[in-house]
Amino acid sequence: MSKPKVIVTVAPTGGMANKKMNPNLPTQPQEIADDVYRCYNAGASMVAVHARRPDDQATCDPAVYSQINRLIRDKCDIILNNSTGGGIDGDMVRELPNGLWEIMWEERLKGMMADGVEMCTLDAQTVVASFDQKEILVATPPSRILQIARMMKERGIKPEWEVFSLHDIVQEVPRALSAGLDDDRPFINIVINARAFQGGLPYTPKLLHTLVDYLPQGCVFNVSAIGAAQLPASMHSLLMGGHVRVGLEDNLYYEQGVLATNVQLVERLVRLVREMGYEPATPAEAREIIGLRQLG
């Protein structure tokens, strides 16, 4: 009897951490591609790609994304999932007259313009993130959710619906699905323990279970837990039939006080997936699970 297949996503970079926090964080295209290839060999079947400028600050520049995607694709067939969230500095932010900062919508849209992209994140919420004494508005009202979902559909890109709360799950995602802006197997990424985001829920088994209970029928779901919650929430996701994600975007440490590498985090999670009686999906198997076109 074959073992159930689990998609293991690696999120190697993100748009918030920097090398001062963890020198193992890959930020430049070749660094990212080399690290992703090591994680692919360790069992990852999807990569959540963030781009950085040469000064390591955040960007959604399609040229940088295209370079990263090409370098990764030259090495392996891992699923390429580009961010439309960007990050909290660099090209992505501006200060508003009211004292808030904002992650700029027009910059976020560039994340899906790159060559080779198969999926893109779609943040199905409006939220304020607090970093470095700045309150940063991530404005994604219903009209923008529908706009970016339409743009992805026109480009043949599958959304990764990124949700932080029950409201996102029961209102924003169903609204877009009812408009025909995704197929019958939406891929939903539950982000939990994101303490820097207003309204972000802490990880508890009861809260995560509640979020999963309200997911749309037929969806494929993944759990991304921030910080020390990464490992227990991943195991909880497996027990509920979900998929898993690790990486330095979400968690800089292997254990308390010990900085991690992306490969270490993937290797440990793959080992635990197998100990739990599952098998990491290959990229081809992952594409089949979530309804993506196969390469070639």
Protein backbone atom coordinates (compact mmCIF):
# COMPACT_ATOMS: atom_id res chain seq x y z
CA MET A 1 0.00 0.00 0.00
CA SER A 2 1.47 3.36 -1.04
CA LYS A 3 2.04 6.02 1.58
CA PRO A 4 0.15 9.35 1.43
CA LYS A 5 2.14 12.04 -0.36
CA VAL A 6 2.94 15.34 1.34
CA ILE A 7 4.09 18.53 -0.36
CA VAL A 8 7.11 19.98 1.44
CA THR A 9 7.59 23.67 0.65
CA VAL A 10 10.78 25.54 1.44
CA ALA A 11 10.61 29.31 1.99
CA PRO A 12 14.30 30.19 1.88
CA THR A 13 14.41 33.99 2.00
CA GLY A 14 11.20 35.95 2.68
CA GLY A 15 10.95 39.71 2.68
CA MET A 16 11.70 40.57 6.29
CA ALA A 17 14.79 38.84 7.70
CA ASN A 18 18.36 39.82 6.84
CA LYS A 19 21.83 38.34 7.06
CA LYS A 20 22.52 40.14 10.35
CA MET A 21 19.78 38.00 11.88
CA ASN A 22 21.07 34.80 10.26
CA PRO A 23 24.08 34.78 7.89
CA ASN A 24 22.73 31.58 6.27
CA LEU A 25 19.83 33.51 4.71
CA PRO A 26 20.17 33.39 0.89
CA THR A 27 19.36 36.73 -0.71
CA GLN A 28 21.02 36.93 -4.14
CA PRO A 29 19.84 34.93 -7.17
CA GLN A 30 22.68 32.41 -7.31
CA GLU A 31 22.67 31.98 -3.53
CA ILE A 32 18.92 31.32 -3.58
CA ALA A 33 19.14 28.89 -6.50
CA ASP A 34 21.98 26.91 -4.93
CA ASP A 35 20.15 26.71 -1.60
CA VAL A 36 16.88 25.70 -3.26
CA TYR A 37 18.66 22.92 -5.14
CA ARG A 38 20.06 21.54 -1.88
CA CYS A 39 16.57 21.66 -0.38
CA TYR A 40 15.11 19.94 -3.47
CA ASN A 41 17.64 17.14 -3.03
CA ALA A 42 16.57 16.92 0.61
CA GLY A 43 12.91 16.42 -0.36
CA ALA A 44 11.30 19.81 -1.01
CA SER A 45 8.87 19.90 -3.94
CA MET A 46 7.89 23.61 -3.92
CA VAL A 47 9.81 26.81 -3.29
CA ALA A 48 8.26 30.08 -2.06
CA VAL A 49 10.50 32.61 -3.80
CA HIS A 50 11.17 36.14 -2.58
CA ALA A 51 13.48 38.47 -4.50
CA ARG A 52 16.05 40.91 -3.13
CA ARG A 53 17.99 43.78 -4.65
CA PRO A 54 21.82 43.69 -4.76
CA ASP A 55 21.77 45.53 -1.41
CA ASP A 56 19.65 42.66 0.02
CA GLN A 57 16.51 44.80 0.40
CA ALA A 58 13.15 43.61 -0.89
CA THR A 59 11.91 43.87 -4.46
CA CYS A 60 9.34 42.33 -6.79
CA ASP A 61 11.35 43.32 -9.88
CA PRO A 62 10.35 40.81 -12.60
CA ALA A 63 13.91 40.76 -13.94
CA VAL A 64 15.27 39.60 -10.58
CA TYR A 65 12.50 37.01 -10.20
CA SER A 66 13.12 35.79 -13.75
CA GLN A 67 16.82 35.35 -13.03
CA ILE A 68 16.10 33.40 -9.83
CA ASN A 69 13.51 31.24 -11.59
CA ARG A 70 15.85 30.45 -14.49
CA LEU A 71 18.72 29.54 -12.19
CA ILE A 72 16.48 27.21 -10.17
CA ARG A 73 14.89 25.64 -13.24
CA ASP A 74 18.31 24.94 -14.75
CA LYS A 75 18.97 22.74 -11.73
CA CYS A 76 15.65 21.01 -10.96
CA ASP A 77 11.89 20.77 -11.54
CA ILE A 78 10.78 22.13 -8.14
CA ILE A 79 7.50 24.14 -8.27
CA LEU A 80 8.18 27.89 -8.56
CA ASN A 81 5.90 30.00 -6.36
CA ASN A 82 6.74 33.73 -6.50
CA SER A 83 5.65 36.22 -3.83
CA THR A 84 3.38 39.18 -4.54
CA GLY A 85 3.89 40.37 -0.98
CA GLY A 86 7.44 41.54 -1.50
CA GLY A 87 8.78 42.72 1.81
CA ILE A 88 9.09 45.51 4.34
CA ASP A 89 11.86 47.61 2.82
CA GLY A 90 13.59 48.37 -0.48
CA ASP A 91 11.39 48.88 -3.54
CA MET A 92 8.28 47.76 -1.71
CA VAL A 93 7.45 50.47 0.82
CA ARG A 94 6.58 54.15 1.02
CA GLU A 95 5.65 56.43 3.90
CA LEU A 96 2.09 57.76 3.93
CA PRO A 97 1.05 61.24 5.11
CA ASN A 98 -0.81 59.73 8.08
CA GLY A 99 2.37 58.27 9.57
CA LEU A 100 1.80 54.71 8.40
CA TRP A 101 4.00 53.01 5.87
CA GLU A 102 2.56 50.99 3.00
CA ILE A 103 3.66 48.01 0.92
CA MET A 104 2.88 49.42 -2.51
CA TRP A 105 0.23 47.66 -4.57
CA GLU A 106 1.78 48.53 -7.92
CA GLU A 107 5.05 46.92 -6.82
CA ARG A 108 3.29 43.82 -5.51
CA LEU A 109 1.69 43.22 -8.91
CA LYS A 110 5.13 42.87 -10.48
CA GLY A 111 5.69 39.60 -8.62
CA MET A 112 3.67 37.68 -11.19
CA MET A 113 5.31 39.19 -14.26
CA ALA A 114 8.44 37.01 -14.13
CA ASP A 115 9.44 34.26 -16.54
CA GLY A 116 8.82 30.69 -15.43
CA VAL A 117 6.42 31.40 -12.58
CA GLU A 118 3.86 28.64 -11.92
CA MET A 119 2.21 29.96 -8.77
CA CYS A 120 2.05 33.26 -6.90
CA THR A 121 1.02 34.15 -3.39
CA LEU A 122 -2.26 36.01 -3.06
CA ASP A 123 -2.65 37.66 0.34
CA ALA A 124 -6.40 37.49 0.98
CA GLN A 125 -6.46 40.11 3.74
CA THR A 126 -5.75 43.70 4.67
CA VAL A 127 -3.43 43.90 7.63
CA VAL A 128 -0.95 46.14 9.46
CA ALA A 129 2.48 44.67 10.11
CA SER A 130 4.80 46.12 12.77
CA PHE A 131 8.54 46.00 12.07
CA ASP A 132 11.42 48.22 13.21
CA GLN A 133 9.04 50.67 14.89
CA LYS A 134 7.10 51.10 11.65
CA GLU A 135 3.44 50.22 11.17
CA ILE A 136 3.18 48.97 7.60
CA LEU A 137 -0.17 48.71 5.86
CA VAL A 138 -0.71 45.76 3.52
CA ALA A 139 -3.89 46.90 1.79
CA THR A 140 -5.68 44.12 -0.06
CA PRO A 141 -9.39 45.03 -0.04
CA PRO A 142 -11.92 42.82 -1.87
CA SER A 143 -11.53 44.68 -5.17
CA ARG A 144 -7.78 44.11 -5.18
CA ILE A 145 -8.16 40.43 -4.31
CA LEU A 146 -10.41 40.00 -7.33
CA GLN A 147 -8.10 42.11 -9.51
CA ILE A 148 -4.96 40.14 -8.79
CA ALA A 149 -6.79 36.81 -8.99
CA ARG A 150 -8.05 37.75 -12.47
CA MET A 151 -4.56 38.78 -13.53
CA MET A 152 -3.17 35.45 -12.34
CA LYS A 153 -5.87 33.52 -14.17
CA GLU A 154 -5.18 35.41 -17.40
CA ARG A 155 -1.50 34.45 -17.10
CA GLY A 156 -2.12 30.80 -16.27
CA ILE A 157 -0.76 31.24 -12.74
CA LYS A 158 -2.31 29.31 -9.87
CA PRO A 159 -2.83 31.36 -6.71
CA GLU A 160 -1.56 30.35 -3.32
CA TRP A 161 -4.31 31.84 -1.15
CA GLU A 162 -2.48 33.15 1.91
CA VAL A 163 -4.82 33.44 4.89
CA PHE A 164 -4.20 34.66 8.43
CA SER A 165 -7.65 34.51 10.01
CA LEU A 166 -11.06 32.90 9.92
CA HIS A 167 -12.41 35.99 8.17
CA ASP A 168 -10.05 35.43 5.23
CA ILE A 169 -11.21 31.83 4.91
CA VAL A 170 -14.97 32.30 5.16
CA GLN A 171 -15.33 35.58 3.26
CA GLU A 172 -12.44 36.63 1.01
CA VAL A 173 -11.45 33.31 -0.55
CA PRO A 174 -15.04 32.10 -1.21
CA ARG A 175 -15.87 35.44 -2.86
CA ALA A 176 -13.07 34.97 -5.38
CA LEU A 177 -13.84 31.29 -5.89
CA SER A 178 -17.50 32.04 -6.59
CA ALA A 179 -16.34 34.49 -9.26
CA GLY A 180 -14.57 31.61 -11.02
CA LEU A 181 -11.08 32.93 -10.34
CA ASP A 182 -9.53 29.58 -9.43
CA ASP A 183 -10.14 25.94 -10.22
CA ASP A 184 -11.91 23.38 -8.01
CA ARG A 185 -8.69 22.62 -6.08
CA PRO A 186 -7.63 25.93 -4.53
CA PHE A 187 -4.31 25.82 -2.70
CA ILE A 188 -4.70 27.60 0.65
CA ASN A 189 -1.76 28.44 2.88
CA ILE A 190 -2.72 29.04 6.51
CA VAL A 191 -0.20 31.40 8.14
CA ILE A 192 -0.25 31.10 11.91
CA ASN A 193 1.76 32.52 14.81
CA ALA A 194 2.54 35.68 12.79
CA ARG A 195 2.76 37.88 15.87
CA ALA A 196 4.00 40.94 13.93
CA PHE A 197 0.73 41.08 11.96
CA GLN A 198 -2.30 42.72 13.51
CA GLY A 199 -4.93 40.02 13.93
CA GLY A 200 -2.42 37.22 13.39
CA LEU A 201 -3.45 34.20 15.41
CA PRO A 202 -1.09 32.41 17.78
CA TYR A 203 -0.57 28.73 17.15
CA THR A 204 -2.67 26.48 19.33
CA PRO A 205 -4.06 23.11 18.23
CA LYS A 206 -7.61 24.35 18.79
CA LEU A 207 -7.19 27.53 16.73
CA LEU A 208 -5.51 25.75 13.83
CA HIS A 209 -8.14 23.03 13.88
CA THR A 210 -10.88 25.66 13.73
CA LEU A 211 -9.31 27.32 10.68
CA VAL A 212 -9.06 23.98 8.89
CA ASP A 213 -12.67 23.14 9.74
CA TYR A 214 -13.86 26.18 7.76
CA LEU A 215 -11.75 25.66 4.63
CA PRO A 216 -13.62 25.42 1.30
CA GLN A 217 -14.57 21.93 0.22
CA GLY A 218 -12.08 20.34 -2.15
CA CYS A 219 -9.19 22.64 -1.31
CA VAL A 220 -5.59 21.56 -0.75
CA PHE A 221 -4.16 23.23 2.33
CA ASN A 222 -0.74 23.97 3.72
CA VAL A 223 0.32 25.36 7.10
CA SER A 224 3.08 27.95 7.50
CA ALA A 225 3.86 28.59 11.15
CA ILE A 226 6.18 31.35 12.28
CA GLY A 227 9.04 30.94 14.74
CA ALA A 228 9.05 28.16 17.31
CA ALA A 229 5.58 27.04 16.22
CA GLN A 230 6.93 25.87 12.86
CA LEU A 231 7.62 22.27 13.84
CA PRO A 232 4.56 21.45 16.00
CA ALA A 233 2.17 23.15 13.57
CA SER A 234 3.69 21.17 10.69
CA MET A 235 3.03 17.91 12.51
CA HIS A 236 -0.50 19.08 13.28
CA SER A 237 -1.05 19.86 9.59
CA LEU A 238 -0.04 16.32 8.66
CA LEU A 239 -2.52 14.84 11.12
CA MET A 240 -5.32 16.90 9.54
CA GLY A 241 -4.47 15.92 5.97
CA GLY A 242 -2.51 19.06 5.09
CA HIS A 243 0.88 19.90 3.67
CA VAL A 244 3.91 21.53 5.27
CA ARG A 245 6.39 24.37 4.90
CA VAL A 246 9.69 25.28 6.53
CA GLY A 247 12.46 27.74 5.82
CA LEU A 248 14.30 30.78 7.08
CA GLU A 249 11.51 33.08 5.87
CA ASP A 250 9.40 31.76 8.74
CA ASN A 251 11.91 30.62 11.33
CA LEU A 252 15.61 31.47 11.68
CA TYR A 253 16.42 28.85 14.32
CA TYR A 254 16.92 25.09 14.38
CA GLU A 255 16.38 25.07 18.13
CA GLN A 256 16.50 27.69 20.83
CA GLY A 257 19.65 29.75 20.39
CA VAL A 258 20.92 27.75 17.40
CA LEU A 259 20.66 29.38 13.97
CA ALA A 260 19.41 27.13 11.18
CA THR A 261 20.06 26.60 7.50
CA ASN A 262 17.25 25.93 5.06
CA VAL A 263 18.62 22.48 4.31
CA GLN A 264 18.66 21.53 7.99
CA LEU A 265 15.02 22.57 8.36
CA VAL A 266 13.97 20.62 5.27
CA GLU A 267 15.95 17.53 6.22
CA ARG A 268 14.41 17.42 9.69
CA LEU A 269 10.88 17.92 8.38
CA VAL A 270 11.29 15.26 5.68
CA ARG A 271 12.61 12.85 8.31
CA LEU A 272 9.57 13.50 10.51
CA VAL A 273 7.15 13.25 7.58
CA ARG A 274 8.50 9.77 6.93
CA GLU A 275 8.44 8.83 10.63
CA MET A 276 4.75 9.80 10.65
CA GLY A 277 4.04 7.32 7.87
CA TYR A 278 3.93 9.73 4.92
CA GLU A 279 6.22 10.26 1.95
CA PRO A 280 7.40 13.61 0.55
CA ALA A 281 5.86 14.25 -2.85
CA THR A 282 8.10 14.73 -5.85
CA PRO A 283 7.53 17.97 -7.77
CA ALA A 284 5.57 16.03 -10.43
CA GLU A 285 3.41 14.44 -7.73
CA ALA A 286 2.90 17.82 -6.07
CA ARG A 287 1.75 19.31 -9.38
CA GLU A 288 -0.78 16.52 -9.68
CA ILE A 289 -2.04 17.05 -6.12
CA ILE A 290 -2.68 20.76 -6.62
CA GLY A 291 -3.74 20.64 -10.27
CA LEU A 292 -0.76 22.34 -11.90
CA ARG A 293 0.34 21.62 -15.45
CA GLN A 294 3.29 19.25 -15.63
CA LEU A 295 6.53 20.56 -17.12
CA GLY A 296 7.63 19.60 -20.60
